[in-house]
Amino acid sequence: MKKVLITGMSGLVGGILRDHLQSRFELSALNRRNVPGVPCHTADIGDLDAIQSAFEGIDAVVHMAAFARPGETWDTILNDNIVGTYNVFEASRRAGVKRIVFASSGMAMAGWESVMPYKALSEGRYEDAPENWEKLTHQTAVWPRGLYGCSKVFGEVLGRHYADTTNLSILCLRMGGVVQEDKPSSPRQFAVYCSKADIAQIVERCLDAPADLKYDIFYALSDNRWGFRDLEHAREVIGYVPAGAAEDYRE
């Protein structure tokens, strides 16, 4: 079985991935606190020397660990999202890891929601939206929101650098709204919702993608009627076909 290290397994998405992937992959975790039932290396992701041994013998890394809670400050973003992401990439390179699936975020593009038609779509004002709209693709200029969004752009471009200069393959997922209730709970969620099953599917597709796919960016979303982030690229390149849709929960 392919050995897969998940950073941040104790988080919501990390737990979803554990449940979905453990039958196909030999999983381990890199976490600040212990994850019961899984081989777990506990360390601060901001300390490269402290985390290095977690990567030895690993085939692929799913990098989920990040500071993503309200109240972000430069210090927390710097350690967990900037230094931490560099450390994961560098530790992977040193250990001979073949692929990293990097959890980016739709927040790398959320600035677009300040202009039409994306503003109307994200606010649920569908009567103000055109019949058709141009989707944001992996080639659309980044427009991050907040220091968190900026840190995810950093991770994407750092991944580009590592994919170009090392043997690593790095696939970035601009994740949509994955929530514990597994259903949209706000107007914006009807545009950016991603079901638990769909986030698990797209990560698995990335782990199974051909070895010669060195670098790419995909949007991780369900098939949302009012979505404005592109899903065709992920469908064409890795065969991702979302099973869920936000409208399934429209009252």
C-alpha atoms as a PDB file:
ATOM      1  CA  MET A   1       0.000   0.000   0.000  1.00  0.00           C
ATOM      2  CA  LYS A   2       1.178   3.509  -0.792  1.00  0.00           C
ATOM      3  CA  LYS A   3       2.292   5.335   2.343  1.00  0.00           C
ATOM      4  CA  VAL A   4       0.514   8.679   2.749  1.00  0.00           C
ATOM      5  CA  LEU A   5       1.264  11.277   5.420  1.00  0.00           C
ATOM      6  CA  ILE A   6      -1.562  13.695   6.274  1.00  0.00           C
ATOM      7  CA  THR A   7      -0.651  16.893   8.085  1.00  0.00           C
ATOM      8  CA  GLY A   8      -3.450  18.339  10.197  1.00  0.00           C
ATOM      9  CA  MET A   9      -5.359  15.054  10.411  1.00  0.00           C
ATOM     10  CA  SER A  10      -7.145  16.200  13.566  1.00  0.00           C
ATOM     11  CA  GLY A  11      -8.962  18.919  11.600  1.00  0.00           C
ATOM     12  CA  LEU A  12     -12.330  18.497   9.886  1.00  0.00           C
ATOM     13  CA  VAL A  13     -11.000  17.698   6.416  1.00  0.00           C
ATOM     14  CA  GLY A  14      -8.111  15.663   7.798  1.00  0.00           C
ATOM     15  CA  GLY A  15     -10.588  13.441   9.610  1.00  0.00           C
ATOM     16  CA  ILE A  16     -12.724  13.077   6.491  1.00  0.00           C
ATOM     17  CA  LEU A  17      -9.667  11.984   4.535  1.00  0.00           C
ATOM     18  CA  ARG A  18      -8.672   9.490   7.173  1.00  0.00           C
ATOM     19  CA  ASP A  19     -12.081   7.811   7.024  1.00  0.00           C
ATOM     20  CA  HIS A  20     -12.108   7.756   3.232  1.00  0.00           C
ATOM     21  CA  LEU A  21      -8.513   6.808   2.455  1.00  0.00           C
ATOM     22  CA  GLN A  22      -7.527   4.367   5.185  1.00  0.00           C
ATOM     23  CA  SER A  23      -8.771   1.304   3.278  1.00  0.00           C
ATOM     24  CA  ARG A  24      -6.522   2.060   0.286  1.00  0.00           C
ATOM     25  CA  PHE A  25      -3.438   3.718   1.788  1.00  0.00           C
ATOM     26  CA  GLU A  26      -1.149   3.230   4.751  1.00  0.00           C
ATOM     27  CA  LEU A  27      -1.801   6.463   6.608  1.00  0.00           C
ATOM     28  CA  SER A  28       0.230   8.391   9.156  1.00  0.00           C
ATOM     29  CA  ALA A  29      -0.242  11.855  10.636  1.00  0.00           C
ATOM     30  CA  LEU A  30       1.825  14.923  11.443  1.00  0.00           C
ATOM     31  CA  ASN A  31      -0.006  16.892  14.092  1.00  0.00           C
ATOM     32  CA  ARG A  32       0.394  19.151  17.098  1.00  0.00           C
ATOM     33  CA  ARG A  33      -1.528  16.604  19.151  1.00  0.00           C
ATOM     34  CA  ASN A  34      -1.850  12.847  18.968  1.00  0.00           C
ATOM     35  CA  VAL A  35      -4.358  11.225  16.606  1.00  0.00           C
ATOM     36  CA  PRO A  36      -5.625   7.992  18.235  1.00  0.00           C
ATOM     37  CA  GLY A  37      -5.429   4.880  16.086  1.00  0.00           C
ATOM     38  CA  VAL A  38      -2.988   6.298  13.537  1.00  0.00           C
ATOM     39  CA  PRO A  39       0.832   6.446  13.675  1.00  0.00           C
ATOM     40  CA  CYS A  40       1.307  10.097  14.581  1.00  0.00           C
ATOM     41  CA  HIS A  41       4.345  12.351  14.749  1.00  0.00           C
ATOM     42  CA  THR A  42       3.601  15.277  17.061  1.00  0.00           C
ATOM     43  CA  ALA A  43       5.592  18.440  16.407  1.00  0.00           C
ATOM     44  CA  ASP A  44       5.310  22.122  15.531  1.00  0.00           C
ATOM     45  CA  ILE A  45       5.164  22.350  11.750  1.00  0.00           C
ATOM     46  CA  GLY A  46       7.236  25.520  11.994  1.00  0.00           C
ATOM     47  CA  ASP A  47      10.263  23.461  13.158  1.00  0.00           C
ATOM     48  CA  LEU A  48      11.835  21.686  10.165  1.00  0.00           C
ATOM     49  CA  ASP A  49      14.217  19.531  12.195  1.00  0.00           C
ATOM     50  CA  ALA A  50      11.391  18.422  14.483  1.00  0.00           C
ATOM     51  CA  ILE A  51       9.136  17.245  11.647  1.00  0.00           C
ATOM     52  CA  GLN A  52      11.708  15.719   9.258  1.00  0.00           C
ATOM     53  CA  SER A  53      11.500  12.130  10.500  1.00  0.00           C
ATOM     54  CA  ALA A  54       7.745  12.026   9.812  1.00  0.00           C
ATOM     55  CA  PHE A  55       8.493  12.116   6.069  1.00  0.00           C
ATOM     56  CA  GLU A  56      10.946   9.230   5.870  1.00  0.00           C
ATOM     57  CA  GLY A  57       9.617   6.353   3.754  1.00  0.00           C
ATOM     58  CA  ILE A  58       6.528   8.312   2.704  1.00  0.00           C
ATOM     59  CA  ASP A  59       5.247   8.150  -0.891  1.00  0.00           C
ATOM     60  CA  ALA A  60       2.833  11.090  -0.817  1.00  0.00           C
ATOM     61  CA  VAL A  61       1.915  13.924   1.542  1.00  0.00           C
ATOM     62  CA  VAL A  62      -1.473  15.593   1.896  1.00  0.00           C
ATOM     63  CA  HIS A  63      -0.705  18.952   3.480  1.00  0.00           C
ATOM     64  CA  MET A  64      -3.799  20.139   5.335  1.00  0.00           C
ATOM     65  CA  ALA A  65      -2.248  21.767   8.408  1.00  0.00           C
ATOM     66  CA  ALA A  66      -2.717  25.552   8.502  1.00  0.00           C
ATOM     67  CA  PHE A  67      -4.006  28.357  10.689  1.00  0.00           C
ATOM     68  CA  ALA A  68      -7.474  29.022   9.294  1.00  0.00           C
ATOM     69  CA  ARG A  69      -9.451  30.257  12.296  1.00  0.00           C
ATOM     70  CA  PRO A  70     -10.894  33.757  12.843  1.00  0.00           C
ATOM     71  CA  GLY A  71      -8.480  36.219  14.387  1.00  0.00           C
ATOM     72  CA  GLU A  72      -5.559  35.573  12.116  1.00  0.00           C
ATOM     73  CA  THR A  73      -2.423  37.551  12.843  1.00  0.00           C
ATOM     74  CA  TRP A  74       0.836  37.822  10.951  1.00  0.00           C
ATOM     75  CA  ASP A  75       2.635  35.758  13.601  1.00  0.00           C
ATOM     76  CA  THR A  76       0.226  32.822  13.355  1.00  0.00           C
ATOM     77  CA  ILE A  77       0.086  32.952   9.560  1.00  0.00           C
ATOM     78  CA  LEU A  78       3.880  33.217   9.333  1.00  0.00           C
ATOM     79  CA  ASN A  79       4.622  30.154  11.468  1.00  0.00           C
ATOM     80  CA  ASP A  80       1.833  27.804  10.430  1.00  0.00           C
ATOM     81  CA  ASN A  81       1.077  28.770   6.824  1.00  0.00           C
ATOM     82  CA  ILE A  82       4.282  30.299   5.457  1.00  0.00           C
ATOM     83  CA  VAL A  83       7.177  28.670   7.337  1.00  0.00           C
ATOM     84  CA  GLY A  84       5.139  25.517   7.904  1.00  0.00           C
ATOM     85  CA  THR A  85       4.353  25.044   4.214  1.00  0.00           C
ATOM     86  CA  TYR A  86       7.989  25.615   3.249  1.00  0.00           C
ATOM     87  CA  ASN A  87       9.036  23.061   5.864  1.00  0.00           C
ATOM     88  CA  VAL A  88       6.599  20.439   4.554  1.00  0.00           C
ATOM     89  CA  PHE A  89       7.835  20.915   0.981  1.00  0.00           C
ATOM     90  CA  GLU A  90      11.484  20.883   2.006  1.00  0.00           C
ATOM     91  CA  ALA A  91      11.115  17.871   4.320  1.00  0.00           C
ATOM     92  CA  SER A  92       9.350  16.053   1.474  1.00  0.00           C
ATOM     93  CA  ARG A  93      12.172  16.860  -0.934  1.00  0.00           C
ATOM     94  CA  ARG A  94      14.824  15.656   1.491  1.00  0.00           C
ATOM     95  CA  ALA A  95      12.951  12.403   2.160  1.00  0.00           C
ATOM     96  CA  GLY A  96      12.311  11.581  -1.508  1.00  0.00           C
ATOM     97  CA  VAL A  97       8.521  11.969  -1.351  1.00  0.00           C
ATOM     98  CA  LYS A  98       7.006  11.692  -4.833  1.00  0.00           C
ATOM     99  CA  ARG A  99       3.876  13.872  -4.540  1.00  0.00           C
ATOM    100  CA  ILE A 100       2.358  16.554  -2.352  1.00  0.00           C
ATOM    101  CA  VAL A 101      -1.343  17.424  -2.418  1.00  0.00           C
ATOM    102  CA  PHE A 102      -1.426  20.968  -1.066  1.00  0.00           C
ATOM    103  CA  ALA A 103      -4.592  22.286   0.552  1.00  0.00           C
ATOM    104  CA  SER A 104      -4.890  25.739  -0.940  1.00  0.00           C
ATOM    105  CA  SER A 105      -8.163  27.605  -0.595  1.00  0.00           C
ATOM    106  CA  GLY A 106     -10.805  29.487  -2.499  1.00  0.00           C
ATOM    107  CA  MET A 107      -9.656  32.436  -0.384  1.00  0.00           C
ATOM    108  CA  ALA A 108      -6.753  32.748  -2.820  1.00  0.00           C
ATOM    109  CA  MET A 109      -9.409  34.009  -5.269  1.00  0.00           C
ATOM    110  CA  ALA A 110     -12.061  35.459  -2.942  1.00  0.00           C
ATOM    111  CA  GLY A 111     -11.231  39.051  -3.873  1.00  0.00           C
ATOM    112  CA  TRP A 112     -13.148  38.443  -7.096  1.00  0.00           C
ATOM    113  CA  GLU A 113     -16.298  38.300  -4.975  1.00  0.00           C
ATOM    114  CA  SER A 114     -16.107  42.071  -4.592  1.00  0.00           C
ATOM    115  CA  VAL A 115     -16.967  42.611  -8.285  1.00  0.00           C
ATOM    116  CA  MET A 116     -19.874  41.560 -10.477  1.00  0.00           C
ATOM    117  CA  PRO A 117     -21.152  39.031 -11.278  1.00  0.00           C
ATOM    118  CA  TYR A 118     -19.327  37.110  -8.545  1.00  0.00           C
ATOM    119  CA  LYS A 119     -20.507  39.548  -5.879  1.00  0.00           C
ATOM    120  CA  ALA A 120     -24.156  38.897  -6.685  1.00  0.00           C
ATOM    121  CA  LEU A 121     -23.637  35.140  -6.904  1.00  0.00           C
ATOM    122  CA  SER A 122     -21.798  34.936  -3.580  1.00  0.00           C
ATOM    123  CA  GLU A 123     -24.490  37.047  -1.892  1.00  0.00           C
ATOM    124  CA  GLY A 124     -27.340  34.985  -3.314  1.00  0.00           C
ATOM    125  CA  ARG A 125     -28.724  37.886  -5.385  1.00  0.00           C
ATOM    126  CA  TYR A 126     -29.372  35.711  -8.415  1.00  0.00           C
ATOM    127  CA  GLU A 127     -31.755  38.195 -10.033  1.00  0.00           C
ATOM    128  CA  ASP A 128     -28.787  40.565 -10.432  1.00  0.00           C
ATOM    129  CA  ALA A 129     -26.581  37.945 -12.102  1.00  0.00           C
ATOM    130  CA  PRO A 130     -26.409  37.380 -15.860  1.00  0.00           C
ATOM    131  CA  GLU A 131     -27.790  34.222 -17.416  1.00  0.00           C
ATOM    132  CA  ASN A 132     -24.240  32.985 -17.954  1.00  0.00           C
ATOM    133  CA  TRP A 133     -20.965  34.052 -16.355  1.00  0.00           C
ATOM    134  CA  GLU A 134     -17.294  33.449 -16.902  1.00  0.00           C
ATOM    135  CA  LYS A 135     -15.868  30.961 -14.427  1.00  0.00           C
ATOM    136  CA  LEU A 136     -12.703  31.648 -12.461  1.00  0.00           C
ATOM    137  CA  THR A 137     -10.130  29.140 -13.712  1.00  0.00           C
ATOM    138  CA  HIS A 138      -6.683  28.017 -12.630  1.00  0.00           C
ATOM    139  CA  GLN A 139      -5.326  30.611 -15.080  1.00  0.00           C
ATOM    140  CA  THR A 140      -7.324  33.561 -13.716  1.00  0.00           C
ATOM    141  CA  ALA A 141      -5.183  36.130 -11.880  1.00  0.00           C
ATOM    142  CA  VAL A 142      -5.107  35.484  -8.146  1.00  0.00           C
ATOM    143  CA  TRP A 143      -6.986  37.920  -5.910  1.00  0.00           C
ATOM    144  CA  PRO A 144      -6.617  36.766  -2.298  1.00  0.00           C
ATOM    145  CA  ARG A 145      -8.642  37.879   0.678  1.00  0.00           C
ATOM    146  CA  GLY A 146      -6.885  38.395   4.004  1.00  0.00           C
ATOM    147  CA  LEU A 147      -3.511  37.163   5.185  1.00  0.00           C
ATOM    148  CA  TYR A 148      -4.867  33.622   5.067  1.00  0.00           C
ATOM    149  CA  GLY A 149      -5.654  33.941   1.358  1.00  0.00           C
ATOM    150  CA  CYS A 150      -2.223  35.467   0.754  1.00  0.00           C
ATOM    151  CA  SER A 151      -0.569  32.538   2.514  1.00  0.00           C
ATOM    152  CA  LYS A 152      -2.337  30.097   0.210  1.00  0.00           C
ATOM    153  CA  VAL A 153      -1.105  31.977  -2.858  1.00  0.00           C
ATOM    154  CA  PHE A 154       2.387  31.684  -1.375  1.00  0.00           C
ATOM    155  CA  GLY A 155       1.933  27.918  -1.031  1.00  0.00           C
ATOM    156  CA  GLU A 156       0.825  27.607  -4.657  1.00  0.00           C
ATOM    157  CA  VAL A 157       3.784  29.531  -6.076  1.00  0.00           C
ATOM    158  CA  LEU A 158       6.204  27.768  -3.727  1.00  0.00           C
ATOM    159  CA  GLY A 159       4.783  24.523  -5.076  1.00  0.00           C
ATOM    160  CA  ARG A 160       5.453  25.732  -8.612  1.00  0.00           C
ATOM    161  CA  HIS A 161       9.082  26.386  -7.644  1.00  0.00           C
ATOM    162  CA  TYR A 162       9.549  22.964  -6.062  1.00  0.00           C
ATOM    163  CA  ALA A 163       7.875  21.179  -8.969  1.00  0.00           C
ATOM    164  CA  ASP A 164      10.190  23.005 -11.393  1.00  0.00           C
ATOM    165  CA  THR A 165      13.430  22.446  -9.473  1.00  0.00           C
ATOM    166  CA  THR A 166      13.029  19.057  -7.738  1.00  0.00           C
ATOM    167  CA  ASN A 167      11.545  15.614  -8.360  1.00  0.00           C
ATOM    168  CA  LEU A 168       8.384  16.511  -6.456  1.00  0.00           C
ATOM    169  CA  SER A 169       4.954  16.566  -8.068  1.00  0.00           C
ATOM    170  CA  ILE A 170       2.756  19.158  -6.369  1.00  0.00           C
ATOM    171  CA  LEU A 171      -0.999  19.422  -6.952  1.00  0.00           C
ATOM    172  CA  CYS A 172      -2.843  22.330  -5.349  1.00  0.00           C
ATOM    173  CA  LEU A 173      -6.509  22.212  -4.357  1.00  0.00           C
ATOM    174  CA  ARG A 174      -8.387  25.480  -3.978  1.00  0.00           C
ATOM    175  CA  MET A 175     -10.850  24.068  -1.512  1.00  0.00           C
ATOM    176  CA  GLY A 176     -14.387  25.301  -1.221  1.00  0.00           C
ATOM    177  CA  GLY A 177     -16.568  25.348   1.877  1.00  0.00           C
ATOM    178  CA  VAL A 178     -16.416  21.997   3.654  1.00  0.00           C
ATOM    179  CA  VAL A 179     -18.551  22.187   6.803  1.00  0.00           C
ATOM    180  CA  GLN A 180     -19.310  19.788   9.638  1.00  0.00           C
ATOM    181  CA  GLU A 181     -23.044  19.771   8.818  1.00  0.00           C
ATOM    182  CA  ASP A 182     -22.193  18.787   5.224  1.00  0.00           C
ATOM    183  CA  LYS A 183     -24.733  21.166   3.727  1.00  0.00           C
ATOM    184  CA  PRO A 184     -24.713  24.864   2.758  1.00  0.00           C
ATOM    185  CA  SER A 185     -25.684  27.221   5.556  1.00  0.00           C
ATOM    186  CA  SER A 186     -25.421  30.687   3.950  1.00  0.00           C
ATOM    187  CA  PRO A 187     -25.965  32.339   0.554  1.00  0.00           C
ATOM    188  CA  ARG A 188     -22.231  32.189  -0.191  1.00  0.00           C
ATOM    189  CA  GLN A 189     -22.153  28.476   0.600  1.00  0.00           C
ATOM    190  CA  PHE A 190     -24.564  27.845  -2.264  1.00  0.00           C
ATOM    191  CA  ALA A 191     -21.784  29.039  -4.572  1.00  0.00           C
ATOM    192  CA  VAL A 192     -18.689  27.554  -2.883  1.00  0.00           C
ATOM    193  CA  TYR A 193     -19.995  24.430  -1.087  1.00  0.00           C
ATOM    194  CA  CYS A 194     -17.906  21.255  -1.211  1.00  0.00           C
ATOM    195  CA  SER A 195     -19.353  18.078   0.251  1.00  0.00           C
ATOM    196  CA  LYS A 196     -17.317  15.766   2.436  1.00  0.00           C
ATOM    197  CA  ALA A 197     -17.545  13.046  -0.196  1.00  0.00           C
ATOM    198  CA  ASP A 198     -16.343  15.398  -2.927  1.00  0.00           C
ATOM    199  CA  ILE A 199     -13.306  16.691  -1.013  1.00  0.00           C
ATOM    200  CA  ALA A 200     -12.332  13.091  -0.280  1.00  0.00           C
ATOM    201  CA  GLN A 201     -12.803  12.142  -3.922  1.00  0.00           C
ATOM    202  CA  ILE A 202     -10.665  14.923  -5.357  1.00  0.00           C
ATOM    203  CA  VAL A 203      -7.812  14.276  -2.913  1.00  0.00           C
ATOM    204  CA  GLU A 204      -7.884  10.604  -3.864  1.00  0.00           C
ATOM    205  CA  ARG A 205      -7.872  11.560  -7.557  1.00  0.00           C
ATOM    206  CA  CYS A 206      -4.759  13.654  -6.926  1.00  0.00           C
ATOM    207  CA  LEU A 207      -3.026  10.793  -5.141  1.00  0.00           C
ATOM    208  CA  ASP A 208      -3.838   8.497  -8.060  1.00  0.00           C
ATOM    209  CA  ALA A 209      -2.914  10.977 -10.825  1.00  0.00           C
ATOM    210  CA  PRO A 210      -0.105   9.987 -13.209  1.00  0.00           C
ATOM    211  CA  ALA A 211       3.417  10.500 -11.914  1.00  0.00           C
ATOM    212  CA  ASP A 212       4.260  12.784 -14.834  1.00  0.00           C
ATOM    213  CA  LEU A 213       1.676  15.352 -13.719  1.00  0.00           C
ATOM    214  CA  LYS A 214       4.241  17.632 -12.111  1.00  0.00           C
ATOM    215  CA  TYR A 215       2.139  20.625 -11.108  1.00  0.00           C
ATOM    216  CA  ASP A 216      -1.422  21.849 -11.349  1.00  0.00           C
ATOM    217  CA  ILE A 217      -4.170  23.766  -9.578  1.00  0.00           C
ATOM    218  CA  PHE A 218      -7.725  22.474  -9.220  1.00  0.00           C
ATOM    219  CA  TYR A 219     -10.864  23.879  -7.617  1.00  0.00           C
ATOM    220  CA  ALA A 220     -12.371  21.496  -5.078  1.00  0.00           C
ATOM    221  CA  LEU A 221     -16.127  22.110  -5.114  1.00  0.00           C
ATOM    222  CA  SER A 222     -19.391  20.304  -5.511  1.00  0.00           C
ATOM    223  CA  ASP A 223     -21.501  20.778  -8.657  1.00  0.00           C
ATOM    224  CA  ASN A 224     -23.178  23.998  -7.532  1.00  0.00           C
ATOM    225  CA  ARG A 225     -25.796  25.712  -9.701  1.00  0.00           C
ATOM    226  CA  TRP A 226     -24.537  29.173  -8.689  1.00  0.00           C
ATOM    227  CA  GLY A 227     -20.850  28.314  -8.586  1.00  0.00           C
ATOM    228  CA  PHE A 228     -18.314  30.541 -10.307  1.00  0.00           C
ATOM    229  CA  ARG A 229     -15.142  28.476  -9.895  1.00  0.00           C
ATOM    230  CA  ASP A 230     -14.216  26.169 -12.745  1.00  0.00           C
ATOM    231  CA  LEU A 231     -14.590  22.398 -12.416  1.00  0.00           C
ATOM    232  CA  GLU A 232     -13.837  21.393 -16.008  1.00  0.00           C
ATOM    233  CA  HIS A 233     -10.065  21.495 -15.599  1.00  0.00           C
ATOM    234  CA  ALA A 234     -10.170  18.970 -12.750  1.00  0.00           C
ATOM    235  CA  ARG A 235     -12.571  16.826 -14.744  1.00  0.00           C
ATOM    236  CA  GLU A 236     -10.311  16.803 -17.803  1.00  0.00           C
ATOM    237  CA  VAL A 237      -6.974  16.282 -16.041  1.00  0.00           C
ATOM    238  CA  ILE A 238      -7.714  13.967 -13.098  1.00  0.00           C
ATOM    239  CA  GLY A 239     -11.239  12.738 -13.830  1.00  0.00           C
ATOM    240  CA  TYR A 240     -12.909  14.523 -10.924  1.00  0.00           C
ATOM    241  CA  VAL A 241     -16.712  14.403 -11.205  1.00  0.00           C
ATOM    242  CA  PRO A 242     -18.432  15.827  -8.114  1.00  0.00           C
ATOM    243  CA  ALA A 243     -21.297  13.800  -6.722  1.00  0.00           C
ATOM    244  CA  GLY A 244     -22.828  16.492  -4.512  1.00  0.00           C
ATOM    245  CA  ALA A 245     -24.530  19.815  -5.225  1.00  0.00           C
ATOM    246  CA  ALA A 246     -25.524  22.704  -2.998  1.00  0.00           C
ATOM    247  CA  GLU A 247     -28.986  22.860  -4.564  1.00  0.00           C
ATOM    248  CA  ASP A 248     -29.735  19.427  -3.121  1.00  0.00           C
ATOM    249  CA  TYR A 249     -30.260  21.302   0.154  1.00  0.00           C
ATOM    250  CA  ARG A 250     -32.298  24.258  -1.097  1.00  0.00           C
ATOM    251  CA  GLU A 251     -35.498  24.544   0.928  1.00  0.00           C
END
